[in-house]
Amino acid sequence: MLGRNNSTQLFTVVGSDARLEGTFDVADSIQIECEVGGRMKVGKKLVIGEKGCVRADVQTVDVIIYGQYEGNMVATGSVEISPTGRVFGNIETHSLVISKGGLFNGHVAKLTESEAEGSLRPVSVTELEQIARLRRTKEEFESTSRNGHVPELVSRESAQDFNGSGARESVD
């Protein structure tokens, strides 16, 4: 799956000491071999090379990470983390592959078919933060309800619990 031998032409940003900061809108594919920060929208494939370090909120189709990535990412295609890849942040994608040795520390959400097929639209940092907060809230709610605790945001009168057989029992 991880392969650099394909017919896609990549514009490459190289420079071990280079640091770019800002908002980048790339219509085609790009390979990063330096430090980049800010926001990126890539129309096709983003490749973060082994010397690359991207600290940005990213929207793209496909991503291959050989270097380091930090931030919030929405990839409508696939995300591949190589054995040398390091990811710290949140990813929304249709497909995620982490090779043995690759590191991922964050949250991942699977895009639905309709979301993955839809065109890229600008997503603000605020929207990504709100999505992450909502997901954490949902996970906390599901975790507490599985443990038999009724979260405070649900009134005791309307709360119902399931016993082991799947039948509903009212909570008094």
N, C-alpha and C. Protein backbone atom coordinates (compact mmCIF):
# COMPACT_ATOMS: atom_id res chain seq x y z
N MET A 1 0.80 -1.20 0.00
CA MET A 1 0.00 0.00 0.00
C MET A 1 0.84 1.26 0.00
N LEU A 2 1.86 1.27 0.86
CA LEU A 2 2.71 2.43 0.90
C LEU A 2 3.68 2.36 -0.26
N GLY A 3 3.60 3.31 -1.12
CA GLY A 3 4.49 3.26 -2.26
C GLY A 3 4.69 4.61 -2.87
N ARG A 4 5.90 4.88 -3.26
CA ARG A 4 6.20 6.15 -3.89
C ARG A 4 6.20 6.01 -5.41
N ASN A 5 6.08 4.80 -5.90
CA ASN A 5 6.14 4.57 -7.34
C ASN A 5 4.75 4.58 -7.95
N ASN A 6 4.24 5.77 -8.21
CA ASN A 6 2.99 5.87 -8.95
C ASN A 6 3.11 7.02 -9.92
N SER A 7 2.15 7.19 -10.77
CA SER A 7 2.27 8.14 -11.85
C SER A 7 1.95 9.58 -11.45
N THR A 8 1.60 9.84 -10.20
CA THR A 8 1.25 11.18 -9.77
C THR A 8 2.49 12.06 -9.69
N GLN A 9 2.47 13.20 -10.39
CA GLN A 9 3.55 14.16 -10.30
C GLN A 9 3.39 14.94 -9.00
N LEU A 10 4.46 15.07 -8.24
CA LEU A 10 4.41 15.78 -6.97
C LEU A 10 5.25 17.04 -7.02
N PHE A 11 4.68 18.16 -6.63
CA PHE A 11 5.45 19.36 -6.39
C PHE A 11 6.09 19.16 -5.03
N THR A 12 7.40 19.34 -4.90
CA THR A 12 8.10 19.05 -3.66
C THR A 12 8.69 20.31 -3.05
N VAL A 13 8.45 20.49 -1.75
CA VAL A 13 9.04 21.59 -1.01
C VAL A 13 10.16 20.98 -0.16
N VAL A 14 11.42 21.36 -0.46
CA VAL A 14 12.58 20.77 0.18
C VAL A 14 13.38 21.86 0.87
N GLY A 15 14.04 21.48 1.94
CA GLY A 15 14.92 22.39 2.65
C GLY A 15 14.91 22.03 4.11
N SER A 16 15.95 21.34 4.55
CA SER A 16 15.95 20.83 5.92
C SER A 16 15.82 21.95 6.95
N ASP A 17 16.31 23.15 6.63
CA ASP A 17 16.21 24.27 7.56
C ASP A 17 15.05 25.19 7.25
N ALA A 18 14.31 24.91 6.17
CA ALA A 18 13.21 25.79 5.77
C ALA A 18 12.02 25.62 6.68
N ARG A 19 11.35 26.76 6.96
CA ARG A 19 10.12 26.73 7.74
C ARG A 19 9.13 27.66 7.06
N LEU A 20 7.99 27.09 6.65
CA LEU A 20 6.95 27.86 5.99
C LEU A 20 5.74 27.94 6.91
N GLU A 21 5.15 29.11 7.00
CA GLU A 21 3.99 29.33 7.85
C GLU A 21 2.96 30.10 7.06
N GLY A 22 1.68 29.67 7.15
CA GLY A 22 0.64 30.41 6.45
C GLY A 22 -0.52 29.53 6.03
N THR A 23 -1.28 30.02 5.07
CA THR A 23 -2.41 29.29 4.50
C THR A 23 -2.02 28.89 3.09
N PHE A 24 -2.08 27.58 2.81
CA PHE A 24 -1.65 27.06 1.52
C PHE A 24 -2.82 26.38 0.83
N ASP A 25 -3.05 26.73 -0.43
CA ASP A 25 -4.11 26.12 -1.24
C ASP A 25 -3.42 25.54 -2.47
N VAL A 26 -3.25 24.22 -2.48
CA VAL A 26 -2.54 23.53 -3.56
C VAL A 26 -3.56 22.74 -4.37
N ALA A 27 -3.69 23.05 -5.65
CA ALA A 27 -4.71 22.40 -6.48
C ALA A 27 -4.35 20.96 -6.81
N ASP A 28 -3.07 20.63 -6.86
CA ASP A 28 -2.63 19.30 -7.27
C ASP A 28 -2.08 18.53 -6.07
N SER A 29 -1.01 17.78 -6.25
CA SER A 29 -0.36 17.01 -5.20
C SER A 29 0.92 17.70 -4.77
N ILE A 30 1.34 17.44 -3.52
CA ILE A 30 2.55 18.07 -3.00
C ILE A 30 3.26 17.13 -2.05
N GLN A 31 4.60 17.20 -2.05
CA GLN A 31 5.42 16.46 -1.10
C GLN A 31 6.18 17.49 -0.27
N ILE A 32 6.13 17.34 1.05
CA ILE A 32 6.76 18.27 1.98
C ILE A 32 8.00 17.61 2.59
N GLU A 33 9.14 18.27 2.48
CA GLU A 33 10.38 17.78 3.06
C GLU A 33 11.02 18.86 3.94
N CYS A 34 10.17 19.68 4.57
CA CYS A 34 10.64 20.73 5.47
C CYS A 34 9.56 20.93 6.54
N GLU A 35 9.64 22.01 7.29
CA GLU A 35 8.65 22.29 8.33
C GLU A 35 7.60 23.26 7.79
N VAL A 36 6.33 22.88 7.93
CA VAL A 36 5.22 23.70 7.44
C VAL A 36 4.20 23.84 8.56
N GLY A 37 3.71 25.06 8.77
CA GLY A 37 2.69 25.31 9.79
C GLY A 37 1.57 26.16 9.22
N GLY A 38 0.41 26.07 9.83
CA GLY A 38 -0.74 26.88 9.41
C GLY A 38 -1.91 26.05 8.98
N ARG A 39 -2.38 26.30 7.76
CA ARG A 39 -3.51 25.58 7.18
C ARG A 39 -3.15 25.18 5.75
N MET A 40 -3.59 23.96 5.39
CA MET A 40 -3.32 23.47 4.03
C MET A 40 -4.57 22.86 3.43
N LYS A 41 -4.81 23.19 2.17
CA LYS A 41 -5.85 22.52 1.39
C LYS A 41 -5.15 21.99 0.15
N VAL A 42 -5.16 20.66 0.01
CA VAL A 42 -4.46 20.01 -1.10
C VAL A 42 -5.50 19.27 -1.93
N GLY A 43 -5.54 19.57 -3.23
CA GLY A 43 -6.57 19.03 -4.11
C GLY A 43 -6.44 17.55 -4.40
N LYS A 44 -5.25 16.98 -4.29
CA LYS A 44 -5.07 15.56 -4.58
C LYS A 44 -4.36 14.87 -3.43
N LYS A 45 -3.06 14.64 -3.56
CA LYS A 45 -2.32 13.86 -2.55
C LYS A 45 -1.30 14.72 -1.84
N LEU A 46 -1.24 14.56 -0.52
CA LEU A 46 -0.22 15.18 0.32
C LEU A 46 0.73 14.09 0.77
N VAL A 47 2.03 14.29 0.53
CA VAL A 47 3.04 13.35 1.01
C VAL A 47 3.94 14.14 1.96
N ILE A 48 4.01 13.68 3.20
CA ILE A 48 4.92 14.28 4.16
C ILE A 48 6.14 13.38 4.20
N GLY A 49 7.25 13.86 3.63
CA GLY A 49 8.46 13.08 3.53
C GLY A 49 9.11 12.83 4.88
N GLU A 50 10.12 11.97 4.89
CA GLU A 50 10.80 11.61 6.14
C GLU A 50 11.39 12.82 6.85
N LYS A 51 11.80 13.85 6.11
CA LYS A 51 12.35 15.06 6.71
C LYS A 51 11.26 16.11 6.95
N GLY A 52 10.04 15.79 6.56
CA GLY A 52 8.94 16.74 6.67
C GLY A 52 8.30 16.75 8.05
N CYS A 53 7.87 17.93 8.46
CA CYS A 53 7.15 18.10 9.71
C CYS A 53 6.04 19.12 9.44
N VAL A 54 4.80 18.65 9.45
CA VAL A 54 3.67 19.52 9.15
C VAL A 54 2.85 19.70 10.43
N ARG A 55 2.74 20.96 10.85
CA ARG A 55 1.90 21.33 12.00
C ARG A 55 0.82 22.25 11.45
N ALA A 56 -0.25 21.63 10.95
CA ALA A 56 -1.27 22.41 10.26
C ALA A 56 -2.60 21.67 10.28
N ASP A 57 -3.67 22.40 10.07
CA ASP A 57 -4.96 21.80 9.83
C ASP A 57 -5.03 21.56 8.33
N VAL A 58 -5.33 20.32 7.94
CA VAL A 58 -5.21 19.91 6.55
C VAL A 58 -6.53 19.35 6.02
N GLN A 59 -6.84 19.74 4.78
CA GLN A 59 -7.93 19.15 4.00
C GLN A 59 -7.30 18.62 2.73
N THR A 60 -7.57 17.35 2.41
CA THR A 60 -6.99 16.76 1.21
C THR A 60 -7.80 15.54 0.80
N VAL A 61 -7.34 14.88 -0.24
CA VAL A 61 -7.96 13.63 -0.66
C VAL A 61 -7.19 12.45 -0.04
N ASP A 62 -5.91 12.31 -0.40
CA ASP A 62 -5.08 11.22 0.12
C ASP A 62 -3.84 11.77 0.80
N VAL A 63 -3.33 11.01 1.78
CA VAL A 63 -2.13 11.42 2.51
C VAL A 63 -1.25 10.20 2.74
N ILE A 64 0.06 10.38 2.56
CA ILE A 64 1.04 9.39 2.99
C ILE A 64 2.00 10.13 3.90
N ILE A 65 2.21 9.58 5.10
CA ILE A 65 3.04 10.26 6.09
C ILE A 65 4.27 9.41 6.38
N TYR A 66 5.43 9.93 5.96
CA TYR A 66 6.72 9.30 6.25
C TYR A 66 7.43 10.06 7.37
N GLY A 67 7.05 11.31 7.57
CA GLY A 67 7.66 12.17 8.58
C GLY A 67 6.72 12.37 9.75
N GLN A 68 6.52 13.64 10.16
CA GLN A 68 5.70 13.94 11.32
C GLN A 68 4.56 14.88 10.95
N TYR A 69 3.39 14.60 11.54
CA TYR A 69 2.21 15.46 11.33
C TYR A 69 1.57 15.75 12.68
N GLU A 70 1.20 17.02 12.89
CA GLU A 70 0.47 17.44 14.09
C GLU A 70 -0.66 18.34 13.64
N GLY A 71 -1.89 18.03 14.06
CA GLY A 71 -3.02 18.89 13.73
C GLY A 71 -4.29 18.11 13.51
N ASN A 72 -5.24 18.76 12.87
CA ASN A 72 -6.54 18.17 12.53
C ASN A 72 -6.58 17.98 11.02
N MET A 73 -6.94 16.76 10.60
CA MET A 73 -6.91 16.44 9.18
C MET A 73 -8.25 15.86 8.73
N VAL A 74 -8.70 16.29 7.55
CA VAL A 74 -9.85 15.69 6.88
C VAL A 74 -9.34 15.21 5.53
N ALA A 75 -9.36 13.89 5.31
CA ALA A 75 -8.91 13.30 4.05
C ALA A 75 -10.05 12.46 3.49
N THR A 76 -10.61 12.87 2.35
CA THR A 76 -11.77 12.17 1.80
C THR A 76 -11.41 10.83 1.18
N GLY A 77 -10.14 10.57 0.96
CA GLY A 77 -9.68 9.28 0.42
C GLY A 77 -9.08 8.44 1.52
N SER A 78 -7.74 8.32 1.50
CA SER A 78 -7.08 7.47 2.48
C SER A 78 -5.92 8.19 3.15
N VAL A 79 -5.59 7.73 4.35
CA VAL A 79 -4.44 8.20 5.11
C VAL A 79 -3.57 6.98 5.38
N GLU A 80 -2.30 7.07 5.02
CA GLU A 80 -1.36 5.98 5.26
C GLU A 80 -0.22 6.51 6.11
N ILE A 81 0.04 5.85 7.24
CA ILE A 81 1.15 6.20 8.11
C ILE A 81 2.21 5.13 7.95
N SER A 82 3.37 5.52 7.46
CA SER A 82 4.46 4.57 7.18
C SER A 82 5.15 4.15 8.48
N PRO A 83 6.07 3.21 8.41
CA PRO A 83 6.81 2.80 9.61
C PRO A 83 7.59 3.95 10.26
N THR A 84 7.96 4.97 9.48
CA THR A 84 8.67 6.12 10.05
C THR A 84 7.74 7.28 10.37
N GLY A 85 6.45 7.15 10.06
CA GLY A 85 5.48 8.22 10.25
C GLY A 85 5.06 8.40 11.69
N ARG A 86 4.86 9.65 12.08
CA ARG A 86 4.42 10.01 13.43
C ARG A 86 3.27 11.00 13.29
N VAL A 87 2.11 10.66 13.89
CA VAL A 87 0.92 11.53 13.80
C VAL A 87 0.40 11.82 15.19
N PHE A 88 0.19 13.11 15.47
CA PHE A 88 -0.37 13.57 16.73
C PHE A 88 -1.52 14.50 16.39
N GLY A 89 -2.75 14.02 16.55
CA GLY A 89 -3.90 14.86 16.22
C GLY A 89 -5.11 14.05 15.84
N ASN A 90 -6.04 14.70 15.20
CA ASN A 90 -7.32 14.10 14.84
C ASN A 90 -7.42 13.94 13.33
N ILE A 91 -7.95 12.77 12.93
CA ILE A 91 -8.09 12.47 11.51
C ILE A 91 -9.52 12.05 11.22
N GLU A 92 -10.10 12.62 10.17
CA GLU A 92 -11.36 12.15 9.61
C GLU A 92 -11.05 11.67 8.21
N THR A 93 -11.33 10.39 7.94
CA THR A 93 -10.99 9.82 6.64
C THR A 93 -11.86 8.63 6.33
N HIS A 94 -11.83 8.22 5.09
CA HIS A 94 -12.55 7.02 4.66
C HIS A 94 -11.74 5.77 4.98
N SER A 95 -10.40 5.89 4.93
CA SER A 95 -9.53 4.73 5.12
C SER A 95 -8.25 5.14 5.84
N LEU A 96 -7.87 4.40 6.87
CA LEU A 96 -6.64 4.67 7.61
C LEU A 96 -5.82 3.40 7.67
N VAL A 97 -4.54 3.49 7.27
CA VAL A 97 -3.60 2.37 7.34
C VAL A 97 -2.41 2.82 8.16
N ILE A 98 -2.08 2.07 9.22
CA ILE A 98 -0.91 2.37 10.03
C ILE A 98 0.03 1.18 9.90
N SER A 99 1.18 1.40 9.30
CA SER A 99 2.16 0.33 9.14
C SER A 99 2.85 0.04 10.47
N LYS A 100 3.35 -1.18 10.61
CA LYS A 100 4.08 -1.57 11.81
C LYS A 100 5.23 -0.60 12.02
N GLY A 101 5.30 -0.03 13.21
CA GLY A 101 6.32 0.96 13.51
C GLY A 101 5.79 2.38 13.43
N GLY A 102 4.71 2.59 12.69
CA GLY A 102 4.10 3.92 12.60
C GLY A 102 3.43 4.28 13.91
N LEU A 103 3.34 5.56 14.21
CA LEU A 103 2.76 6.03 15.46
C LEU A 103 1.57 6.93 15.18
N PHE A 104 0.47 6.68 15.88
CA PHE A 104 -0.71 7.54 15.80
C PHE A 104 -1.19 7.79 17.21
N ASN A 105 -1.27 9.07 17.60
CA ASN A 105 -1.76 9.45 18.91
C ASN A 105 -2.81 10.53 18.69
N GLY A 106 -4.08 10.14 18.82
CA GLY A 106 -5.16 11.09 18.58
C GLY A 106 -6.47 10.38 18.40
N HIS A 107 -7.39 11.03 17.75
CA HIS A 107 -8.72 10.48 17.49
C HIS A 107 -8.91 10.33 15.99
N VAL A 108 -9.65 9.28 15.63
CA VAL A 108 -9.94 9.06 14.21
C VAL A 108 -11.43 8.86 14.06
N ALA A 109 -11.97 9.39 12.97
CA ALA A 109 -13.39 9.20 12.65
C ALA A 109 -13.48 8.78 11.19
N LYS A 110 -14.34 7.81 10.92
CA LYS A 110 -14.52 7.33 9.55
C LYS A 110 -15.56 8.19 8.85
N LEU A 111 -15.19 8.70 7.68
CA LEU A 111 -16.13 9.44 6.86
C LEU A 111 -17.10 8.46 6.22
N THR A 112 -18.35 8.85 6.09
CA THR A 112 -19.31 8.00 5.40
C THR A 112 -19.04 8.07 3.91
N GLU A 113 -19.63 7.15 3.16
CA GLU A 113 -19.46 7.15 1.70
C GLU A 113 -19.84 8.49 1.10
N SER A 114 -20.96 9.06 1.54
CA SER A 114 -21.41 10.33 0.97
C SER A 114 -20.46 11.46 1.32
N GLU A 115 -19.90 11.46 2.53
CA GLU A 115 -18.93 12.48 2.91
C GLU A 115 -17.64 12.32 2.10
N ALA A 116 -17.20 11.07 1.91
CA ALA A 116 -15.96 10.81 1.17
C ALA A 116 -16.11 11.17 -0.30
N GLU A 117 -17.31 10.96 -0.86
CA GLU A 117 -17.54 11.26 -2.27
C GLU A 117 -17.76 12.75 -2.52
N GLY A 118 -18.17 13.48 -1.49
CA GLY A 118 -18.44 14.90 -1.66
C GLY A 118 -17.17 15.68 -1.95
N SER A 119 -17.35 16.83 -2.51
CA SER A 119 -16.18 17.66 -2.82
C SER A 119 -15.64 18.28 -1.54
N LEU A 120 -14.39 18.68 -1.60
CA LEU A 120 -13.77 19.35 -0.46
C LEU A 120 -14.43 20.70 -0.29
N ARG A 121 -14.68 21.05 0.95
CA ARG A 121 -15.16 22.38 1.24
C ARG A 121 -14.29 22.93 2.35
N PRO A 122 -14.10 24.24 2.40
CA PRO A 122 -13.27 24.80 3.46
C PRO A 122 -13.86 24.48 4.84
N VAL A 123 -13.00 24.03 5.73
CA VAL A 123 -13.41 23.75 7.10
C VAL A 123 -12.53 24.60 8.00
N SER A 124 -13.17 25.39 8.86
CA SER A 124 -12.40 26.25 9.74
C SER A 124 -11.85 25.46 10.92
N VAL A 125 -10.84 26.01 11.55
CA VAL A 125 -10.27 25.40 12.75
C VAL A 125 -11.36 25.29 13.82
N THR A 126 -12.22 26.30 13.91
CA THR A 126 -13.30 26.28 14.88
C THR A 126 -14.23 25.09 14.64
N GLU A 127 -14.57 24.82 13.37
CA GLU A 127 -15.42 23.66 13.06
C GLU A 127 -14.75 22.35 13.47
N LEU A 128 -13.46 22.22 13.18
CA LEU A 128 -12.74 21.00 13.55
C LEU A 128 -12.70 20.83 15.07
N GLU A 129 -12.48 21.93 15.80
CA GLU A 129 -12.48 21.86 17.26
C GLU A 129 -13.86 21.47 17.79
N GLN A 130 -14.93 22.02 17.18
CA GLN A 130 -16.29 21.67 17.60
C GLN A 130 -16.58 20.20 17.34
N ILE A 131 -16.14 19.68 16.19
CA ILE A 131 -16.33 18.26 15.88
C ILE A 131 -15.63 17.40 16.91
N ALA A 132 -14.39 17.75 17.23
CA ALA A 132 -13.62 16.97 18.22
C ALA A 132 -14.31 17.02 19.58
N ARG A 133 -14.81 18.20 19.99
CA ARG A 133 -15.51 18.33 21.28
C ARG A 133 -16.78 17.48 21.30
N LEU A 134 -17.56 17.52 20.21
CA LEU A 134 -18.79 16.74 20.14
C LEU A 134 -18.49 15.24 20.21
N ARG A 135 -17.44 14.81 19.53
CA ARG A 135 -17.08 13.39 19.57
C ARG A 135 -16.67 12.96 20.96
N ARG A 136 -15.88 13.83 21.66
CA ARG A 136 -15.48 13.50 23.03
C ARG A 136 -16.69 13.42 23.94
N THR A 137 -17.63 14.36 23.78
CA THR A 137 -18.85 14.36 24.59
C THR A 137 -19.65 13.09 24.34
N LYS A 138 -19.78 12.69 23.07
CA LYS A 138 -20.51 11.47 22.73
C LYS A 138 -19.84 10.25 23.36
N GLU A 139 -18.50 10.18 23.25
CA GLU A 139 -17.77 9.04 23.83
C GLU A 139 -17.94 8.99 25.34
N GLU A 140 -17.88 10.16 26.01
CA GLU A 140 -18.06 10.21 27.46
C GLU A 140 -19.47 9.75 27.84
N PHE A 141 -20.47 10.21 27.06
CA PHE A 141 -21.85 9.82 27.32
C PHE A 141 -22.02 8.31 27.18
N GLU A 142 -21.50 7.75 26.07
CA GLU A 142 -21.62 6.31 25.85
C GLU A 142 -20.89 5.52 26.92
N SER A 143 -19.74 6.01 27.35
CA SER A 143 -18.95 5.32 28.37
C SER A 143 -19.70 5.31 29.70
N THR A 144 -20.25 6.44 30.12
CA THR A 144 -20.95 6.48 31.40
C THR A 144 -22.25 5.70 31.35
N SER A 145 -22.96 5.70 30.23
CA SER A 145 -24.21 4.95 30.16
C SER A 145 -23.96 3.45 30.14
N ARG A 146 -22.82 3.00 29.58
CA ARG A 146 -22.48 1.58 29.60
C ARG A 146 -22.15 1.11 31.00
N ASN A 147 -21.61 2.01 31.83
CA ASN A 147 -21.22 1.66 33.19
C ASN A 147 -22.41 1.72 34.15
N GLY A 148 -23.60 1.95 33.66
CA GLY A 148 -24.79 1.98 34.51
C GLY A 148 -25.06 3.33 35.13
N HIS A 149 -24.26 4.32 34.84
CA HIS A 149 -24.47 5.67 35.36
C HIS A 149 -25.36 6.43 34.39
N VAL A 150 -26.28 7.21 34.93
CA VAL A 150 -27.14 8.02 34.08
C VAL A 150 -26.53 9.41 34.03
N PRO A 151 -26.08 9.86 32.87
CA PRO A 151 -25.49 11.19 32.76
C PRO A 151 -26.48 12.26 33.18
N GLU A 152 -25.99 13.35 33.75
CA GLU A 152 -26.86 14.40 34.25
C GLU A 152 -27.69 15.06 33.17
N LEU A 153 -27.26 15.00 31.91
CA LEU A 153 -28.01 15.66 30.86
C LEU A 153 -29.27 14.89 30.47
N VAL A 154 -29.51 13.71 31.05
CA VAL A 154 -30.72 12.94 30.81
C VAL A 154 -31.50 12.90 32.11
N SER A 155 -32.79 13.29 32.06
CA SER A 155 -33.58 13.27 33.28
C SER A 155 -33.83 11.84 33.73
N ARG A 156 -33.90 11.62 35.01
CA ARG A 156 -34.11 10.29 35.56
C ARG A 156 -35.46 9.73 35.12
N GLU A 157 -36.46 10.59 34.92
CA GLU A 157 -37.78 10.12 34.52
C GLU A 157 -37.76 9.50 33.12
N SER A 158 -36.93 10.04 32.23
CA SER A 158 -36.93 9.53 30.86
C SER A 158 -35.82 8.52 30.61
N ALA A 159 -34.95 8.31 31.60
CA ALA A 159 -33.83 7.39 31.40
C ALA A 159 -34.32 5.95 31.46
N GLN A 160 -33.77 5.11 30.60
CA GLN A 160 -34.08 3.69 30.62
C GLN A 160 -32.78 2.93 30.58
N ASP A 161 -32.78 1.76 31.19
CA ASP A 161 -31.59 0.94 31.23
C ASP A 161 -31.92 -0.39 30.59
N PHE A 162 -30.95 -1.07 30.06
CA PHE A 162 -31.15 -2.39 29.47
C PHE A 162 -30.53 -3.43 30.38
N ASN A 163 -31.27 -4.51 30.65
CA ASN A 163 -30.65 -5.59 31.40
C ASN A 163 -29.95 -6.52 30.43
N GLY A 164 -29.32 -7.57 30.91
CA GLY A 164 -28.54 -8.47 30.07
C GLY A 164 -29.33 -9.11 28.94
N SER A 165 -30.64 -9.27 29.07
CA SER A 165 -31.43 -9.93 28.03
C SER A 165 -31.85 -8.98 26.92
N GLY A 166 -31.59 -7.70 27.10
CA GLY A 166 -31.97 -6.73 26.07
C GLY A 166 -33.34 -6.11 26.36
N ALA A 167 -34.05 -6.56 27.40
CA ALA A 167 -35.35 -5.97 27.74
C ALA A 167 -35.13 -4.66 28.49
N ARG A 168 -36.02 -3.73 28.27
CA ARG A 168 -35.89 -2.43 28.93
C ARG A 168 -36.45 -2.50 30.34
N GLU A 169 -35.77 -1.79 31.21
CA GLU A 169 -36.25 -1.64 32.57
C GLU A 169 -36.25 -0.15 32.89
N SER A 170 -37.28 0.32 33.55
CA SER A 170 -37.31 1.73 33.94
C SER A 170 -36.36 1.93 35.09
N VAL A 171 -35.72 3.11 35.11
CA VAL A 171 -34.82 3.47 36.20
C VAL A 171 -35.61 4.36 37.14
N ASP A 172 -35.65 4.00 38.40
CA ASP A 172 -36.39 4.81 39.40
C ASP A 172 -35.45 5.71 40.15
